[in-house]
Amino acid sequence: MPEYEKAMRPEDITRLFVERSNAGDAAGVAALYERDAVMAFPPGERTVGRDAIRALWEKVLAGRPHFEPEQPLPTLVSDGIALTSTPPKDGSGARAQVVRRQPDGSWLRLLDQPEFVSPVRDGA
């Protein structure tokens, strides 16, 4: 596996994700996740483990989607665990990730909720 830039702050993961996704680098995207990470994607399903996450991103990135950086919301950090999130540009829902500090001081995703859509209620 190539040597990838490490996320030295929780917020770095989002930037590295965008860079690697736009380069079509599924292995690089997967390298942002812990070995047993869980991603809530595709919608309504879970993808578990770095290898499965890499396989999923190989399929997604084959279509050459383009990702735009999103301004992160304030990060919550406690005892080596952080919650990061970004609001999608279209204003629908949010994206949230739980990341964990690694022994070398870098950060990796443990839980990834790439799309969380707020339910719309009639009459609300």
C-alpha atoms as a PDB file:
ATOM      1  CA  MET A   1       0.000   0.000   0.000  1.00  0.00           C
ATOM      2  CA  PRO A   2       1.391   3.449  -0.867  1.00  0.00           C
ATOM      3  CA  GLU A   3       2.342   5.880   1.879  1.00  0.00           C
ATOM      4  CA  TYR A   4      -0.548   8.313   2.246  1.00  0.00           C
ATOM      5  CA  GLU A   5      -0.665  11.674   3.984  1.00  0.00           C
ATOM      6  CA  LYS A   6      -2.112  11.154   7.455  1.00  0.00           C
ATOM      7  CA  ALA A   7      -4.909  13.184   8.972  1.00  0.00           C
ATOM      8  CA  MET A   8      -3.216  14.915  11.889  1.00  0.00           C
ATOM      9  CA  ARG A   9      -6.426  16.742  12.851  1.00  0.00           C
ATOM     10  CA  PRO A  10      -9.932  15.243  12.687  1.00  0.00           C
ATOM     11  CA  GLU A  11     -10.925  17.906  10.139  1.00  0.00           C
ATOM     12  CA  ASP A  12      -8.147  16.794   7.761  1.00  0.00           C
ATOM     13  CA  ILE A  13     -10.045  13.612   6.921  1.00  0.00           C
ATOM     14  CA  THR A  14     -12.727  15.459   4.955  1.00  0.00           C
ATOM     15  CA  ARG A  15     -10.128  17.289   2.839  1.00  0.00           C
ATOM     16  CA  LEU A  16      -8.177  14.076   2.203  1.00  0.00           C
ATOM     17  CA  PHE A  17     -11.397  12.256   1.311  1.00  0.00           C
ATOM     18  CA  VAL A  18     -12.265  14.875  -1.329  1.00  0.00           C
ATOM     19  CA  GLU A  19      -8.724  14.868  -2.782  1.00  0.00           C
ATOM     20  CA  ARG A  20      -8.516  11.068  -2.989  1.00  0.00           C
ATOM     21  CA  SER A  21     -12.057  10.594  -4.271  1.00  0.00           C
ATOM     22  CA  ASN A  22     -11.557  13.140  -7.039  1.00  0.00           C
ATOM     23  CA  ALA A  23      -8.324  11.343  -7.975  1.00  0.00           C
ATOM     24  CA  GLY A  24     -10.260   8.046  -8.251  1.00  0.00           C
ATOM     25  CA  ASP A  25      -8.141   6.522  -5.442  1.00  0.00           C
ATOM     26  CA  ALA A  26     -10.411   4.019  -3.648  1.00  0.00           C
ATOM     27  CA  ALA A  27      -7.466   2.566  -1.698  1.00  0.00           C
ATOM     28  CA  GLY A  28      -6.584   6.069  -0.524  1.00  0.00           C
ATOM     29  CA  VAL A  29     -10.156   6.677   0.592  1.00  0.00           C
ATOM     30  CA  ALA A  30     -10.222   3.336   2.439  1.00  0.00           C
ATOM     31  CA  ALA A  31      -6.938   4.253   4.165  1.00  0.00           C
ATOM     32  CA  LEU A  32      -8.885   6.994   5.999  1.00  0.00           C
ATOM     33  CA  TYR A  33     -10.864   4.309   7.886  1.00  0.00           C
ATOM     34  CA  GLU A  34      -9.950   2.020  10.764  1.00  0.00           C
ATOM     35  CA  ARG A  35      -9.703  -1.670   9.878  1.00  0.00           C
ATOM     36  CA  ASP A  36     -13.160  -2.460  11.379  1.00  0.00           C
ATOM     37  CA  ALA A  37     -14.876   0.837  10.555  1.00  0.00           C
ATOM     38  CA  VAL A  38     -18.595   0.961   9.784  1.00  0.00           C
ATOM     39  CA  MET A  39     -20.067   3.146   7.063  1.00  0.00           C
ATOM     40  CA  ALA A  40     -23.816   3.696   6.698  1.00  0.00           C
ATOM     41  CA  PHE A  41     -23.778   3.451   2.900  1.00  0.00           C
ATOM     42  CA  PRO A  42     -25.373   2.622   0.496  1.00  0.00           C
ATOM     43  CA  PRO A  43     -28.484   4.276   1.978  1.00  0.00           C
ATOM     44  CA  GLY A  44     -30.285   1.843   4.278  1.00  0.00           C
ATOM     45  CA  GLU A  45     -27.275  -0.513   4.443  1.00  0.00           C
ATOM     46  CA  ARG A  46     -23.973  -0.815   6.298  1.00  0.00           C
ATOM     47  CA  THR A  47     -20.535  -1.439   4.847  1.00  0.00           C
ATOM     48  CA  VAL A  48     -18.239  -2.956   7.482  1.00  0.00           C
ATOM     49  CA  GLY A  49     -14.445  -3.094   7.399  1.00  0.00           C
ATOM     50  CA  ARG A  50     -11.758  -1.288   5.427  1.00  0.00           C
ATOM     51  CA  ASP A  51     -11.668  -3.931   2.678  1.00  0.00           C
ATOM     52  CA  ALA A  52     -15.424  -3.703   2.098  1.00  0.00           C
ATOM     53  CA  ILE A  53     -15.233   0.096   2.190  1.00  0.00           C
ATOM     54  CA  ARG A  54     -12.476   0.002  -0.435  1.00  0.00           C
ATOM     55  CA  ALA A  55     -14.554  -2.299  -2.669  1.00  0.00           C
ATOM     56  CA  LEU A  56     -17.562   0.000  -2.309  1.00  0.00           C
ATOM     57  CA  TRP A  57     -15.511   3.080  -3.227  1.00  0.00           C
ATOM     58  CA  GLU A  58     -14.000   1.283  -6.228  1.00  0.00           C
ATOM     59  CA  LYS A  59     -17.559   0.929  -7.573  1.00  0.00           C
ATOM     60  CA  VAL A  60     -18.591   4.485  -6.665  1.00  0.00           C
ATOM     61  CA  LEU A  61     -15.434   6.089  -8.062  1.00  0.00           C
ATOM     62  CA  ALA A  62     -15.637   4.118 -11.320  1.00  0.00           C
ATOM     63  CA  GLY A  63     -18.352   6.604 -12.300  1.00  0.00           C
ATOM     64  CA  ARG A  64     -15.845   9.452 -11.792  1.00  0.00           C
ATOM     65  CA  PRO A  65     -18.021  11.568  -9.491  1.00  0.00           C
ATOM     66  CA  HIS A  66     -16.669  14.964  -8.478  1.00  0.00           C
ATOM     67  CA  PHE A  67     -16.723  15.969  -4.813  1.00  0.00           C
ATOM     68  CA  GLU A  68     -16.604  19.571  -3.620  1.00  0.00           C
ATOM     69  CA  PRO A  69     -15.094  20.493  -0.242  1.00  0.00           C
ATOM     70  CA  GLU A  70     -17.713  21.293   2.392  1.00  0.00           C
ATOM     71  CA  GLN A  71     -17.147  23.675   5.280  1.00  0.00           C
ATOM     72  CA  PRO A  72     -16.923  21.545   8.456  1.00  0.00           C
ATOM     73  CA  LEU A  73     -19.084  22.261  11.459  1.00  0.00           C
ATOM     74  CA  PRO A  74     -17.229  22.618  14.790  1.00  0.00           C
ATOM     75  CA  THR A  75     -15.549  19.361  15.830  1.00  0.00           C
ATOM     76  CA  LEU A  76     -16.348  17.833  19.215  1.00  0.00           C
ATOM     77  CA  VAL A  77     -13.359  16.076  20.815  1.00  0.00           C
ATOM     78  CA  SER A  78     -13.145  14.020  23.999  1.00  0.00           C
ATOM     79  CA  ASP A  79     -10.414  11.612  25.094  1.00  0.00           C
ATOM     80  CA  GLY A  80      -9.125  10.654  21.639  1.00  0.00           C
ATOM     81  CA  ILE A  81     -12.561  10.426  20.010  1.00  0.00           C
ATOM     82  CA  ALA A  82     -13.995  13.178  17.805  1.00  0.00           C
ATOM     83  CA  LEU A  83     -17.274  13.879  16.061  1.00  0.00           C
ATOM     84  CA  THR A  84     -16.900  15.673  12.743  1.00  0.00           C
ATOM     85  CA  SER A  85     -19.700  16.816  10.485  1.00  0.00           C
ATOM     86  CA  THR A  86     -20.430  18.845   7.382  1.00  0.00           C
ATOM     87  CA  PRO A  87     -23.677  20.219   6.026  1.00  0.00           C
ATOM     88  CA  PRO A  88     -24.225  19.309   2.351  1.00  0.00           C
ATOM     89  CA  LYS A  89     -24.258  22.309   0.016  1.00  0.00           C
ATOM     90  CA  ASP A  90     -27.906  21.632  -0.867  1.00  0.00           C
ATOM     91  CA  GLY A  91     -28.857  22.091   2.818  1.00  0.00           C
ATOM     92  CA  SER A  92     -30.528  18.682   3.114  1.00  0.00           C
ATOM     93  CA  GLY A  93     -29.571  16.814   6.279  1.00  0.00           C
ATOM     94  CA  ALA A  94     -25.950  16.431   7.340  1.00  0.00           C
ATOM     95  CA  ARG A  95     -22.916  14.164   7.177  1.00  0.00           C
ATOM     96  CA  ALA A  96     -21.300  12.942  10.406  1.00  0.00           C
ATOM     97  CA  GLN A  97     -18.251  10.868  11.295  1.00  0.00           C
ATOM     98  CA  VAL A  98     -16.758   9.536  14.497  1.00  0.00           C
ATOM     99  CA  VAL A  99     -12.975   9.493  14.279  1.00  0.00           C
ATOM    100  CA  ARG A 100     -10.395   8.076  16.675  1.00  0.00           C
ATOM    101  CA  ARG A 101      -6.843   9.184  17.426  1.00  0.00           C
ATOM    102  CA  GLN A 102      -4.325   6.528  16.489  1.00  0.00           C
ATOM    103  CA  PRO A 103      -1.163   5.670  18.480  1.00  0.00           C
ATOM    104  CA  ASP A 104       0.944   7.797  16.078  1.00  0.00           C
ATOM    105  CA  GLY A 105      -1.268  10.860  16.700  1.00  0.00           C
ATOM    106  CA  SER A 106      -3.124  10.669  13.385  1.00  0.00           C
ATOM    107  CA  TRP A 107      -6.903  10.236  13.077  1.00  0.00           C
ATOM    108  CA  LEU A 108      -9.009   7.615  11.257  1.00  0.00           C
ATOM    109  CA  ARG A 109     -12.746   7.221  10.742  1.00  0.00           C
ATOM    110  CA  LEU A 110     -14.451   4.664  12.934  1.00  0.00           C
ATOM    111  CA  LEU A 111     -18.094   5.431  12.049  1.00  0.00           C
ATOM    112  CA  ASP A 112     -19.250   7.223   8.918  1.00  0.00           C
ATOM    113  CA  GLN A 113     -22.776   8.480   8.251  1.00  0.00           C
ATOM    114  CA  PRO A 114     -22.266  10.067   4.815  1.00  0.00           C
ATOM    115  CA  GLU A 115     -25.905  11.044   4.412  1.00  0.00           C
ATOM    116  CA  PHE A 116     -28.360  11.796   7.162  1.00  0.00           C
ATOM    117  CA  VAL A 117     -31.538  13.324   5.839  1.00  0.00           C
ATOM    118  CA  SER A 118     -33.901  15.010   8.221  1.00  0.00           C
ATOM    119  CA  PRO A 119     -37.411  13.634   7.875  1.00  0.00           C
ATOM    120  CA  VAL A 120     -39.891  16.085   6.412  1.00  0.00           C
ATOM    121  CA  ARG A 121     -43.206  16.193   8.225  1.00  0.00           C
ATOM    122  CA  ASP A 122     -46.346  17.523   6.611  1.00  0.00           C
ATOM    123  CA  GLY A 123     -47.784  20.456   8.477  1.00  0.00           C
ATOM    124  CA  ALA A 124     -44.657  20.964  10.572  1.00  0.00           C
END
